[in-house]
């Protein structure tokens, strides 16, 4: 398949699950470029998706919102450059707006006709929106054992100058489960799932299968030397290079899994499994307390899941409105 015929690619997860690693590997194919994180599509969707005819008067607000919702203040592109590009291309729909932004960036970086992709874990809550905007999109969901996700978020809140994500076993378990439930609700033939641990253990087979799904050419150096690719050189924010993404430059580390068994207290592991056991089983993760699989506990979990969904929807809606108001 030629590059020009590739579908847009979106990489999502529940966070701390290897999306940055996967972005680097895909960028090393020399067929696609996934830049800095952006959740512009999700943030702008409630305000622009249903507008029938966007015009030049809408562009400044749209570009302000893109800058707010994207790392490096709009991937480092100047608003003047983007505005002129918009006037030339005259996007009229929200889908055209997104495509115009992303192709403008590809052109500004001199990347020729490379296909574009978007990586942001939080987009796991907007899979339905992605498919509404880009029905032809391919979504890659990378899942990691939720207990290691919990441990990683804990380290973010303890050690990183930039705090983000859930903080605590209960909130992380429910956040992780809610993301997986959203994936299940929107899963179709254009959504591909793979486990972070399987990439670590068997990168050749897992990445070959992923490339087949995405229509990319697979080569072994795409994962063996991805961190040497010039397209990945400037994609880590300076304050992340020695912090939360310090391992990226070390390549694939098969030992970076099951750390929860030695670094997470037993009580925390019990609580996580109490809340998330059905989804740990669904993705074939180790079960430490099998008696928590008692069917009667499903009755206990249901209200927790429902509450998590309501809370997350409220939180995302509040963030959308705040971001939109800042763009005015």
Foldseek 3Di string as FASTA:
>chain_A
DALLPFAAEEEAELPPFCLLLVQLLVVLLLQEHEFFAFPLLLLCCVPFQPDQFDFLVCLLLSLLLRLVRTPPSLRVDDSVLLSVQCVVVVDTHPLSVVVSSQVSVCVVVVSPSHHYYHYDHVCLQVPVSVCSSGVRYAYEYEYEPLLLVQVLLCCCVVPAPDHDDDHALLLSLLSNVLSVVSCVVPDDLRYHYDYSLCCLVPVQVVVVVVCVSRVGDDDPCSQVVSLVDPSSPPRDDPSPCVPSCVCSNVGRDNPSGPPCVPPPDPVSVVVSCLQHVVVCVVVPHDDPDVVSVPVVSVVVNVVSNVVSVVVVVVVSVVVSVVSSVSSD
